[in-house]
Amino acid sequence: MTTERDPRTRIVLSWLHEDAHEDAERVLLRALDEVDATSQHGGSWPARRLTDMNSFAKLAIVAAAVVVVVVAGIQFLPRSGTSGGQPNPTAAPTATPTLAPLTEGSLAPGRYALYDGLLTSLEVPAGWTGKPPFVRKGADGADGANMWWGPSGPVRQVFSDACPGEILKPVDGTLRGLVDALDAQVGTDATVTEVTLGGLPATRVDLVKAPGLDLSSCLQGADGPLKIWDNGSGYFGLSPGARGIVYVLEKDGKLVVFIGVTFDATASDLAELEGVIASTQFGP
């Protein structure tokens, strides 16, 4: 057996000269020895032909051995994201709960989505009805409803005096601008409280008729509403004996306003309304 290797064989052996490849090296050497031993035995082929075939055979076996080593090396390579040879389990995606949209008419107890420009949801108990984007409890019709709650459109102007309801004061579009305008309004009495709504900081303004105000002296008469603000398409007002609940907050750089109204509501009804307000959430 010859021990001299040609340059191509030495290149392969130098690549294999690592502990991780020692077994493969022994396989390669044995294969090359078999080729050398076979080439020294008698045969009927001419010497030149035999030399050429030996060279080709060596290269073929070297290539095959390299493939074997590469495959074997892959088996011992650490797998990305695995521990102990076991695949790393992929966490299942969390499903986003689907909420029923608020619809007109009687509502079954549960949570409903309000599609009013920002994704908002709230939960109602039994006995409530939908008038998108508001929920209410009480008699049918706007004037006969005992309680309302829902998002208001943008508030552009506030009546400086709710009794005549004629002079409008522009609002600068900020939370503080709207709250201050409501607090300064003549004809109503405002109670301002810092609260939260849907986990976000908010300011609550409770509005009632100003003490001592004679509604019969107002432009709309004794049975007419106190005009609170104008949103460009109509005005928000309070019927005699009604109480307004206004929540103002900023979300994603925009002013968000929610309004509630109570009229001749019992203590248990008011507790339900406060529960609906507290259930208001933003986002899915």
C-alpha atoms as a PDB file:
ATOM      1  CA  MET A   1       0.000   0.000   0.000  1.00  0.00           C
ATOM      2  CA  THR A   2       1.338   3.439  -0.834  1.00  0.00           C
ATOM      3  CA  THR A   3       1.172   6.163   1.836  1.00  0.00           C
ATOM      4  CA  GLU A   4       1.981   9.150  -0.374  1.00  0.00           C
ATOM      5  CA  ARG A   5      -1.106  11.258  -1.087  1.00  0.00           C
ATOM      6  CA  ASP A   6      -1.558  13.611  -4.013  1.00  0.00           C
ATOM      7  CA  PRO A   7      -2.197  17.312  -3.229  1.00  0.00           C
ATOM      8  CA  ARG A   8      -5.965  17.012  -3.652  1.00  0.00           C
ATOM      9  CA  THR A   9      -6.112  14.219  -1.086  1.00  0.00           C
ATOM     10  CA  ARG A  10      -3.977  16.212   1.376  1.00  0.00           C
ATOM     11  CA  ILE A  11      -6.356  19.166   1.064  1.00  0.00           C
ATOM     12  CA  VAL A  12      -9.311  16.989   1.981  1.00  0.00           C
ATOM     13  CA  LEU A  13      -7.392  15.388   4.865  1.00  0.00           C
ATOM     14  CA  SER A  14      -6.330  18.772   6.213  1.00  0.00           C
ATOM     15  CA  TRP A  15     -10.018  19.802   6.260  1.00  0.00           C
ATOM     16  CA  LEU A  16     -10.844  16.573   8.062  1.00  0.00           C
ATOM     17  CA  HIS A  17      -8.065  17.021  10.619  1.00  0.00           C
ATOM     18  CA  GLU A  18     -10.397  17.976  13.478  1.00  0.00           C
ATOM     19  CA  ASP A  19     -11.654  15.899  16.389  1.00  0.00           C
ATOM     20  CA  ALA A  20     -15.223  16.044  15.121  1.00  0.00           C
ATOM     21  CA  HIS A  21     -14.110  14.532  11.802  1.00  0.00           C
ATOM     22  CA  GLU A  22     -11.678  11.795  12.969  1.00  0.00           C
ATOM     23  CA  ASP A  23     -14.089   8.930  12.263  1.00  0.00           C
ATOM     24  CA  ALA A  24     -14.786  10.220   8.786  1.00  0.00           C
ATOM     25  CA  GLU A  25     -11.020  10.561   8.184  1.00  0.00           C
ATOM     26  CA  ARG A  26     -10.482   6.899   9.004  1.00  0.00           C
ATOM     27  CA  VAL A  27     -13.238   5.971   6.542  1.00  0.00           C
ATOM     28  CA  LEU A  28     -11.608   8.089   3.850  1.00  0.00           C
ATOM     29  CA  LEU A  29      -8.146   6.609   4.452  1.00  0.00           C
ATOM     30  CA  ARG A  30      -9.476   3.080   4.288  1.00  0.00           C
ATOM     31  CA  ALA A  31     -11.221   3.900   1.016  1.00  0.00           C
ATOM     32  CA  LEU A  32      -8.052   5.376  -0.457  1.00  0.00           C
ATOM     33  CA  ASP A  33      -6.010   2.363   0.691  1.00  0.00           C
ATOM     34  CA  GLU A  34      -8.470   0.081  -1.062  1.00  0.00           C
ATOM     35  CA  VAL A  35      -8.030   2.082  -4.258  1.00  0.00           C
ATOM     36  CA  ASP A  36      -4.197   1.904  -4.000  1.00  0.00           C
ATOM     37  CA  ALA A  37      -4.241  -1.808  -3.242  1.00  0.00           C
ATOM     38  CA  THR A  38      -6.529  -2.500  -6.156  1.00  0.00           C
ATOM     39  CA  SER A  39      -4.330  -0.532  -8.555  1.00  0.00           C
ATOM     40  CA  GLN A  40      -1.264  -2.692  -7.629  1.00  0.00           C
ATOM     41  CA  HIS A  41      -2.937  -6.005  -8.470  1.00  0.00           C
ATOM     42  CA  GLY A  42      -2.652  -7.505 -11.910  1.00  0.00           C
ATOM     43  CA  GLY A  43      -5.182  -6.543 -14.523  1.00  0.00           C
ATOM     44  CA  SER A  44      -5.772  -6.562 -18.231  1.00  0.00           C
ATOM     45  CA  TRP A  45      -6.017  -2.766 -18.659  1.00  0.00           C
ATOM     46  CA  PRO A  46      -3.048  -0.794 -20.003  1.00  0.00           C
ATOM     47  CA  ALA A  47      -0.969   1.049 -17.393  1.00  0.00           C
ATOM     48  CA  ARG A  48      -1.979   4.506 -18.650  1.00  0.00           C
ATOM     49  CA  ARG A  49      -5.644   3.589 -18.550  1.00  0.00           C
ATOM     50  CA  LEU A  50      -5.249   2.206 -15.046  1.00  0.00           C
ATOM     51  CA  THR A  51      -3.473   5.337 -13.827  1.00  0.00           C
ATOM     52  CA  ASP A  52      -6.219   7.567 -15.193  1.00  0.00           C
ATOM     53  CA  MET A  53      -8.936   5.425 -13.687  1.00  0.00           C
ATOM     54  CA  ASN A  54      -7.162   5.397 -10.315  1.00  0.00           C
ATOM     55  CA  SER A  55      -7.078   9.171 -10.334  1.00  0.00           C
ATOM     56  CA  PHE A  56     -10.764   9.409 -11.211  1.00  0.00           C
ATOM     57  CA  ALA A  57     -11.667   6.759  -8.652  1.00  0.00           C
ATOM     58  CA  LYS A  58      -9.744   8.583  -5.935  1.00  0.00           C
ATOM     59  CA  LEU A  59     -11.504  11.820  -6.704  1.00  0.00           C
ATOM     60  CA  ALA A  60     -14.902  10.099  -6.737  1.00  0.00           C
ATOM     61  CA  ILE A  61     -14.304   8.441  -3.383  1.00  0.00           C
ATOM     62  CA  VAL A  62     -12.906  11.654  -1.886  1.00  0.00           C
ATOM     63  CA  ALA A  63     -16.010  13.515  -3.054  1.00  0.00           C
ATOM     64  CA  ALA A  64     -18.275  10.804  -1.665  1.00  0.00           C
ATOM     65  CA  ALA A  65     -16.417  10.846   1.645  1.00  0.00           C
ATOM     66  CA  VAL A  66     -16.734  14.629   1.861  1.00  0.00           C
ATOM     67  CA  VAL A  67     -20.481  14.301   1.322  1.00  0.00           C
ATOM     68  CA  VAL A  68     -20.654  11.695   4.082  1.00  0.00           C
ATOM     69  CA  VAL A  69     -18.685  13.949   6.435  1.00  0.00           C
ATOM     70  CA  VAL A  70     -20.859  16.969   5.641  1.00  0.00           C
ATOM     71  CA  VAL A  71     -24.030  14.956   6.252  1.00  0.00           C
ATOM     72  CA  ALA A  72     -22.583  13.513   9.451  1.00  0.00           C
ATOM     73  CA  GLY A  73     -21.499  16.983  10.570  1.00  0.00           C
ATOM     74  CA  ILE A  74     -24.998  18.324  10.028  1.00  0.00           C
ATOM     75  CA  GLN A  75     -26.346  15.660  12.377  1.00  0.00           C
ATOM     76  CA  PHE A  76     -24.077  16.937  15.162  1.00  0.00           C
ATOM     77  CA  LEU A  77     -24.669  20.648  14.612  1.00  0.00           C
ATOM     78  CA  PRO A  78     -26.830  22.280  17.310  1.00  0.00           C
ATOM     79  CA  ARG A  79     -30.305  23.086  16.046  1.00  0.00           C
ATOM     80  CA  SER A  80     -31.383  26.681  16.275  1.00  0.00           C
ATOM     81  CA  GLY A  81     -33.954  27.291  18.977  1.00  0.00           C
ATOM     82  CA  THR A  82     -33.783  23.777  20.406  1.00  0.00           C
ATOM     83  CA  SER A  83     -32.853  22.409  23.783  1.00  0.00           C
ATOM     84  CA  GLY A  84     -31.847  18.822  24.394  1.00  0.00           C
ATOM     85  CA  GLY A  85     -32.457  17.977  20.749  1.00  0.00           C
ATOM     86  CA  GLN A  86     -36.167  18.770  21.013  1.00  0.00           C
ATOM     87  CA  PRO A  87     -37.790  21.427  18.804  1.00  0.00           C
ATOM     88  CA  ASN A  88     -38.845  24.603  20.479  1.00  0.00           C
ATOM     89  CA  PRO A  89     -42.665  24.719  20.529  1.00  0.00           C
ATOM     90  CA  THR A  90     -44.183  27.782  18.877  1.00  0.00           C
ATOM     91  CA  ALA A  91     -46.677  29.636  21.033  1.00  0.00           C
ATOM     92  CA  ALA A  92     -50.170  29.570  19.579  1.00  0.00           C
ATOM     93  CA  PRO A  93     -51.462  33.039  18.573  1.00  0.00           C
ATOM     94  CA  THR A  94     -53.919  34.582  20.999  1.00  0.00           C
ATOM     95  CA  ALA A  95     -57.338  34.966  19.439  1.00  0.00           C
ATOM     96  CA  THR A  96     -58.909  38.408  19.614  1.00  0.00           C
ATOM     97  CA  PRO A  97     -62.362  38.117  21.137  1.00  0.00           C
ATOM     98  CA  THR A  98     -65.185  39.043  18.780  1.00  0.00           C
ATOM     99  CA  LEU A  99     -67.736  41.425  20.249  1.00  0.00           C
ATOM    100  CA  ALA A 100     -71.312  41.726  19.074  1.00  0.00           C
ATOM    101  CA  PRO A 101     -71.967  45.090  17.397  1.00  0.00           C
ATOM    102  CA  LEU A 102     -74.437  47.411  19.050  1.00  0.00           C
ATOM    103  CA  THR A 103     -77.793  47.222  17.270  1.00  0.00           C
ATOM    104  CA  GLU A 104     -81.092  49.060  17.459  1.00  0.00           C
ATOM    105  CA  GLY A 105     -83.597  47.655  19.956  1.00  0.00           C
ATOM    106  CA  SER A 106     -83.537  45.400  22.986  1.00  0.00           C
ATOM    107  CA  LEU A 107     -80.143  44.094  24.086  1.00  0.00           C
ATOM    108  CA  ALA A 108     -79.312  40.845  25.809  1.00  0.00           C
ATOM    109  CA  PRO A 109     -76.978  41.341  28.776  1.00  0.00           C
ATOM    110  CA  GLY A 110     -73.374  41.395  27.591  1.00  0.00           C
ATOM    111  CA  ARG A 111     -70.585  43.438  26.010  1.00  0.00           C
ATOM    112  CA  TYR A 112     -71.106  45.289  22.748  1.00  0.00           C
ATOM    113  CA  ALA A 113     -68.793  47.089  20.343  1.00  0.00           C
ATOM    114  CA  LEU A 114     -69.527  50.697  19.414  1.00  0.00           C
ATOM    115  CA  TYR A 115     -68.302  51.628  15.936  1.00  0.00           C
ATOM    116  CA  ASP A 116     -68.014  55.345  16.267  1.00  0.00           C
ATOM    117  CA  GLY A 117     -64.599  56.084  14.768  1.00  0.00           C
ATOM    118  CA  LEU A 118     -62.588  54.427  17.527  1.00  0.00           C
ATOM    119  CA  LEU A 119     -63.133  50.867  18.700  1.00  0.00           C
ATOM    120  CA  THR A 120     -65.047  51.142  21.969  1.00  0.00           C
ATOM    121  CA  SER A 121     -67.055  48.590  23.883  1.00  0.00           C
ATOM    122  CA  LEU A 122     -69.253  48.543  26.961  1.00  0.00           C
ATOM    123  CA  GLU A 123     -71.319  46.072  28.940  1.00  0.00           C
ATOM    124  CA  VAL A 124     -75.024  46.382  29.679  1.00  0.00           C
ATOM    125  CA  PRO A 125     -77.231  44.498  32.135  1.00  0.00           C
ATOM    126  CA  ALA A 126     -80.748  43.281  31.386  1.00  0.00           C
ATOM    127  CA  GLY A 127     -83.366  45.844  30.403  1.00  0.00           C
ATOM    128  CA  TRP A 128     -81.186  48.077  28.234  1.00  0.00           C
ATOM    129  CA  THR A 129     -81.719  48.913  24.589  1.00  0.00           C
ATOM    130  CA  GLY A 130     -79.491  50.077  21.770  1.00  0.00           C
ATOM    131  CA  LYS A 131     -79.689  53.266  19.775  1.00  0.00           C
ATOM    132  CA  PRO A 132     -76.234  53.254  18.159  1.00  0.00           C
ATOM    133  CA  PRO A 133     -73.856  54.551  19.252  1.00  0.00           C
ATOM    134  CA  PHE A 134     -75.784  55.011  22.530  1.00  0.00           C
ATOM    135  CA  VAL A 135     -77.274  52.589  25.012  1.00  0.00           C
ATOM    136  CA  ARG A 136     -80.257  53.551  27.112  1.00  0.00           C
ATOM    137  CA  LYS A 137     -82.709  52.329  29.698  1.00  0.00           C
ATOM    138  CA  GLY A 138     -86.236  53.661  30.004  1.00  0.00           C
ATOM    139  CA  ALA A 139     -89.220  54.581  27.872  1.00  0.00           C
ATOM    140  CA  ASP A 140     -89.035  54.644  24.087  1.00  0.00           C
ATOM    141  CA  GLY A 141     -88.168  57.916  22.412  1.00  0.00           C
ATOM    142  CA  ALA A 142     -85.466  60.457  23.140  1.00  0.00           C
ATOM    143  CA  ASP A 143     -87.571  62.612  25.431  1.00  0.00           C
ATOM    144  CA  GLY A 144     -88.865  59.681  27.486  1.00  0.00           C
ATOM    145  CA  ALA A 145     -85.576  57.844  27.992  1.00  0.00           C
ATOM    146  CA  ASN A 146     -84.576  57.758  31.637  1.00  0.00           C
ATOM    147  CA  MET A 147     -80.864  57.094  31.047  1.00  0.00           C
ATOM    148  CA  TRP A 148     -78.457  57.399  28.134  1.00  0.00           C
ATOM    149  CA  TRP A 149     -74.724  56.746  27.654  1.00  0.00           C
ATOM    150  CA  GLY A 150     -72.456  56.863  24.622  1.00  0.00           C
ATOM    151  CA  PRO A 151     -69.885  58.796  22.600  1.00  0.00           C
ATOM    152  CA  SER A 152     -70.583  62.304  21.413  1.00  0.00           C
ATOM    153  CA  GLY A 153     -69.392  63.858  18.191  1.00  0.00           C
ATOM    154  CA  PRO A 154     -66.829  66.676  18.237  1.00  0.00           C
ATOM    155  CA  VAL A 155     -67.790  69.673  20.357  1.00  0.00           C
ATOM    156  CA  ARG A 156     -67.072  72.873  18.472  1.00  0.00           C
ATOM    157  CA  GLN A 157     -68.983  75.477  20.480  1.00  0.00           C
ATOM    158  CA  VAL A 158     -70.506  75.784  23.944  1.00  0.00           C
ATOM    159  CA  PHE A 159     -73.454  78.040  24.744  1.00  0.00           C
ATOM    160  CA  SER A 160     -72.210  80.762  27.077  1.00  0.00           C
ATOM    161  CA  ASP A 161     -75.696  80.881  28.690  1.00  0.00           C
ATOM    162  CA  ALA A 162     -77.772  77.695  28.553  1.00  0.00           C
ATOM    163  CA  CYS A 163     -81.041  79.501  29.371  1.00  0.00           C
ATOM    164  CA  PRO A 164     -81.451  81.685  26.293  1.00  0.00           C
ATOM    165  CA  GLY A 165     -79.232  79.334  24.303  1.00  0.00           C
ATOM    166  CA  GLU A 166     -78.319  81.934  21.713  1.00  0.00           C
ATOM    167  CA  ILE A 167     -74.647  82.934  22.128  1.00  0.00           C
ATOM    168  CA  LEU A 168     -72.062  80.268  21.313  1.00  0.00           C
ATOM    169  CA  LYS A 169     -68.497  80.298  22.569  1.00  0.00           C
ATOM    170  CA  PRO A 170     -65.953  78.512  20.326  1.00  0.00           C
ATOM    171  CA  VAL A 171     -63.945  75.724  21.942  1.00  0.00           C
ATOM    172  CA  ASP A 172     -60.231  75.454  21.135  1.00  0.00           C
ATOM    173  CA  GLY A 173     -60.349  71.665  20.718  1.00  0.00           C
ATOM    174  CA  THR A 174     -58.488  70.846  23.926  1.00  0.00           C
ATOM    175  CA  LEU A 175     -59.701  68.973  26.995  1.00  0.00           C
ATOM    176  CA  ARG A 176     -59.123  71.919  29.263  1.00  0.00           C
ATOM    177  CA  GLY A 177     -60.811  74.321  26.851  1.00  0.00           C
ATOM    178  CA  LEU A 178     -64.025  72.263  26.802  1.00  0.00           C
ATOM    179  CA  VAL A 179     -64.061  71.615  30.549  1.00  0.00           C
ATOM    180  CA  ASP A 180     -63.480  75.280  31.362  1.00  0.00           C
ATOM    181  CA  ALA A 181     -66.240  76.348  28.960  1.00  0.00           C
ATOM    182  CA  LEU A 182     -68.737  73.978  30.598  1.00  0.00           C
ATOM    183  CA  ASP A 183     -67.665  75.063  34.063  1.00  0.00           C
ATOM    184  CA  ALA A 184     -68.143  78.728  33.166  1.00  0.00           C
ATOM    185  CA  GLN A 185     -71.526  78.238  31.476  1.00  0.00           C
ATOM    186  CA  VAL A 186     -74.356  80.376  32.859  1.00  0.00           C
ATOM    187  CA  GLY A 187     -77.617  78.592  33.597  1.00  0.00           C
ATOM    188  CA  THR A 188     -76.049  75.290  34.595  1.00  0.00           C
ATOM    189  CA  ASP A 189     -74.152  74.180  37.673  1.00  0.00           C
ATOM    190  CA  ALA A 190     -71.043  72.090  36.921  1.00  0.00           C
ATOM    191  CA  THR A 191     -69.177  69.699  39.202  1.00  0.00           C
ATOM    192  CA  VAL A 192     -65.742  68.840  37.806  1.00  0.00           C
ATOM    193  CA  THR A 193     -63.949  65.635  38.885  1.00  0.00           C
ATOM    194  CA  GLU A 194     -60.732  64.003  37.696  1.00  0.00           C
ATOM    195  CA  VAL A 195     -61.479  60.348  36.919  1.00  0.00           C
ATOM    196  CA  THR A 196     -60.561  57.590  34.451  1.00  0.00           C
ATOM    197  CA  LEU A 197     -62.466  56.028  31.578  1.00  0.00           C
ATOM    198  CA  GLY A 198     -61.350  52.792  30.005  1.00  0.00           C
ATOM    199  CA  GLY A 199     -58.123  53.033  31.982  1.00  0.00           C
ATOM    200  CA  LEU A 200     -57.294  56.488  30.578  1.00  0.00           C
ATOM    201  CA  PRO A 201     -57.205  59.752  32.553  1.00  0.00           C
ATOM    202  CA  ALA A 202     -60.407  61.714  32.033  1.00  0.00           C
ATOM    203  CA  THR A 203     -62.313  64.664  33.421  1.00  0.00           C
ATOM    204  CA  ARG A 204     -65.948  64.246  34.426  1.00  0.00           C
ATOM    205  CA  VAL A 205     -68.370  67.166  34.415  1.00  0.00           C
ATOM    206  CA  ASP A 206     -71.791  66.692  36.065  1.00  0.00           C
ATOM    207  CA  LEU A 207     -74.285  69.292  34.852  1.00  0.00           C
ATOM    208  CA  VAL A 208     -77.626  70.287  36.419  1.00  0.00           C
ATOM    209  CA  LYS A 209     -79.836  73.346  36.262  1.00  0.00           C
ATOM    210  CA  ALA A 210     -78.330  76.272  38.136  1.00  0.00           C
ATOM    211  CA  PRO A 211     -79.915  76.761  41.569  1.00  0.00           C
ATOM    212  CA  GLY A 212     -82.666  79.392  41.547  1.00  0.00           C
ATOM    213  CA  LEU A 213     -82.992  79.473  37.754  1.00  0.00           C
ATOM    214  CA  ASP A 214     -86.622  79.883  36.598  1.00  0.00           C
ATOM    215  CA  LEU A 215     -86.919  77.867  33.382  1.00  0.00           C
ATOM    216  CA  SER A 216     -90.018  79.819  32.368  1.00  0.00           C
ATOM    217  CA  SER A 217     -87.761  82.823  31.848  1.00  0.00           C
ATOM    218  CA  CYS A 218     -85.637  80.922  29.337  1.00  0.00           C
ATOM    219  CA  LEU A 219     -86.036  81.194  25.580  1.00  0.00           C
ATOM    220  CA  GLN A 220     -87.501  77.698  25.279  1.00  0.00           C
ATOM    221  CA  GLY A 221     -89.959  78.191  28.164  1.00  0.00           C
ATOM    222  CA  ALA A 222     -90.582  76.116  31.274  1.00  0.00           C
ATOM    223  CA  ASP A 223     -90.729  72.873  29.299  1.00  0.00           C
ATOM    224  CA  GLY A 224     -87.794  73.653  27.062  1.00  0.00           C
ATOM    225  CA  PRO A 225     -84.252  72.288  27.367  1.00  0.00           C
ATOM    226  CA  LEU A 226     -81.125  73.991  28.603  1.00  0.00           C
ATOM    227  CA  LYS A 227     -78.772  74.179  25.636  1.00  0.00           C
ATOM    228  CA  ILE A 228     -75.281  72.922  26.494  1.00  0.00           C
ATOM    229  CA  TRP A 229     -73.232  72.782  23.262  1.00  0.00           C
ATOM    230  CA  ASP A 230     -73.422  72.648  19.488  1.00  0.00           C
ATOM    231  CA  ASN A 231     -71.577  70.035  17.437  1.00  0.00           C
ATOM    232  CA  GLY A 232     -72.265  71.432  13.982  1.00  0.00           C
ATOM    233  CA  SER A 233     -75.230  69.199  13.186  1.00  0.00           C
ATOM    234  CA  GLY A 234     -77.368  69.850  16.250  1.00  0.00           C
ATOM    235  CA  TYR A 235     -77.156  70.725  19.912  1.00  0.00           C
ATOM    236  CA  PHE A 236     -76.995  68.780  23.148  1.00  0.00           C
ATOM    237  CA  GLY A 237     -79.485  69.937  25.758  1.00  0.00           C
ATOM    238  CA  LEU A 238     -80.949  68.913  29.103  1.00  0.00           C
ATOM    239  CA  SER A 239     -84.699  68.545  29.598  1.00  0.00           C
ATOM    240  CA  PRO A 240     -86.144  69.983  32.824  1.00  0.00           C
ATOM    241  CA  GLY A 241     -85.114  67.783  35.749  1.00  0.00           C
ATOM    242  CA  ALA A 242     -82.426  65.957  33.761  1.00  0.00           C
ATOM    243  CA  ARG A 243     -78.783  65.637  34.765  1.00  0.00           C
ATOM    244  CA  GLY A 244     -75.920  65.526  32.309  1.00  0.00           C
ATOM    245  CA  ILE A 245     -72.738  63.489  32.733  1.00  0.00           C
ATOM    246  CA  VAL A 246     -69.859  64.477  30.454  1.00  0.00           C
ATOM    247  CA  TYR A 247     -66.543  62.604  30.209  1.00  0.00           C
ATOM    248  CA  VAL A 248     -63.700  64.307  28.350  1.00  0.00           C
ATOM    249  CA  LEU A 249     -60.360  62.632  27.605  1.00  0.00           C
ATOM    250  CA  GLU A 250     -57.549  62.555  25.074  1.00  0.00           C
ATOM    251  CA  LYS A 251     -56.765  59.370  23.142  1.00  0.00           C
ATOM    252  CA  ASP A 252     -54.151  59.053  20.408  1.00  0.00           C
ATOM    253  CA  GLY A 253     -53.861  62.834  20.282  1.00  0.00           C
ATOM    254  CA  LYS A 254     -57.587  63.382  19.779  1.00  0.00           C
ATOM    255  CA  LEU A 255     -60.288  64.747  22.046  1.00  0.00           C
ATOM    256  CA  VAL A 256     -62.903  62.126  22.959  1.00  0.00           C
ATOM    257  CA  VAL A 257     -66.228  63.061  24.567  1.00  0.00           C
ATOM    258  CA  PHE A 258     -68.832  60.740  26.125  1.00  0.00           C
ATOM    259  CA  ILE A 259     -72.171  61.908  27.421  1.00  0.00           C
ATOM    260  CA  GLY A 260     -74.749  60.453  29.749  1.00  0.00           C
ATOM    261  CA  VAL A 261     -78.195  61.703  30.719  1.00  0.00           C
ATOM    262  CA  THR A 262     -80.430  60.719  33.624  1.00  0.00           C
ATOM    263  CA  PHE A 263     -84.044  61.711  34.136  1.00  0.00           C
ATOM    264  CA  ASP A 264     -86.268  60.572  37.003  1.00  0.00           C
ATOM    265  CA  ALA A 265     -83.963  57.598  37.535  1.00  0.00           C
ATOM    266  CA  THR A 266     -84.138  55.523  40.698  1.00  0.00           C
ATOM    267  CA  ALA A 267     -81.107  54.854  42.875  1.00  0.00           C
ATOM    268  CA  SER A 268     -80.782  51.335  41.461  1.00  0.00           C
ATOM    269  CA  ASP A 269     -81.040  52.715  37.919  1.00  0.00           C
ATOM    270  CA  LEU A 270     -78.282  55.209  38.617  1.00  0.00           C
ATOM    271  CA  ALA A 271     -76.116  52.415  39.981  1.00  0.00           C
ATOM    272  CA  GLU A 272     -76.648  50.502  36.725  1.00  0.00           C
ATOM    273  CA  LEU A 273     -75.672  53.561  34.692  1.00  0.00           C
ATOM    274  CA  GLU A 274     -72.490  54.014  36.705  1.00  0.00           C
ATOM    275  CA  GLY A 275     -71.727  50.351  36.069  1.00  0.00           C
ATOM    276  CA  VAL A 276     -72.164  50.811  32.314  1.00  0.00           C
ATOM    277  CA  ILE A 277     -69.878  53.863  32.395  1.00  0.00           C
ATOM    278  CA  ALA A 278     -67.250  51.954  34.359  1.00  0.00           C
ATOM    279  CA  SER A 279     -67.389  49.084  31.833  1.00  0.00           C
ATOM    280  CA  THR A 280     -66.413  51.334  28.896  1.00  0.00           C
ATOM    281  CA  GLN A 281     -63.207  50.133  27.229  1.00  0.00           C
ATOM    282  CA  PHE A 282     -61.079  51.211  24.270  1.00  0.00           C
ATOM    283  CA  GLY A 283     -59.516  48.763  21.865  1.00  0.00           C
ATOM    284  CA  PRO A 284     -60.269  45.085  21.153  1.00  0.00           C
END
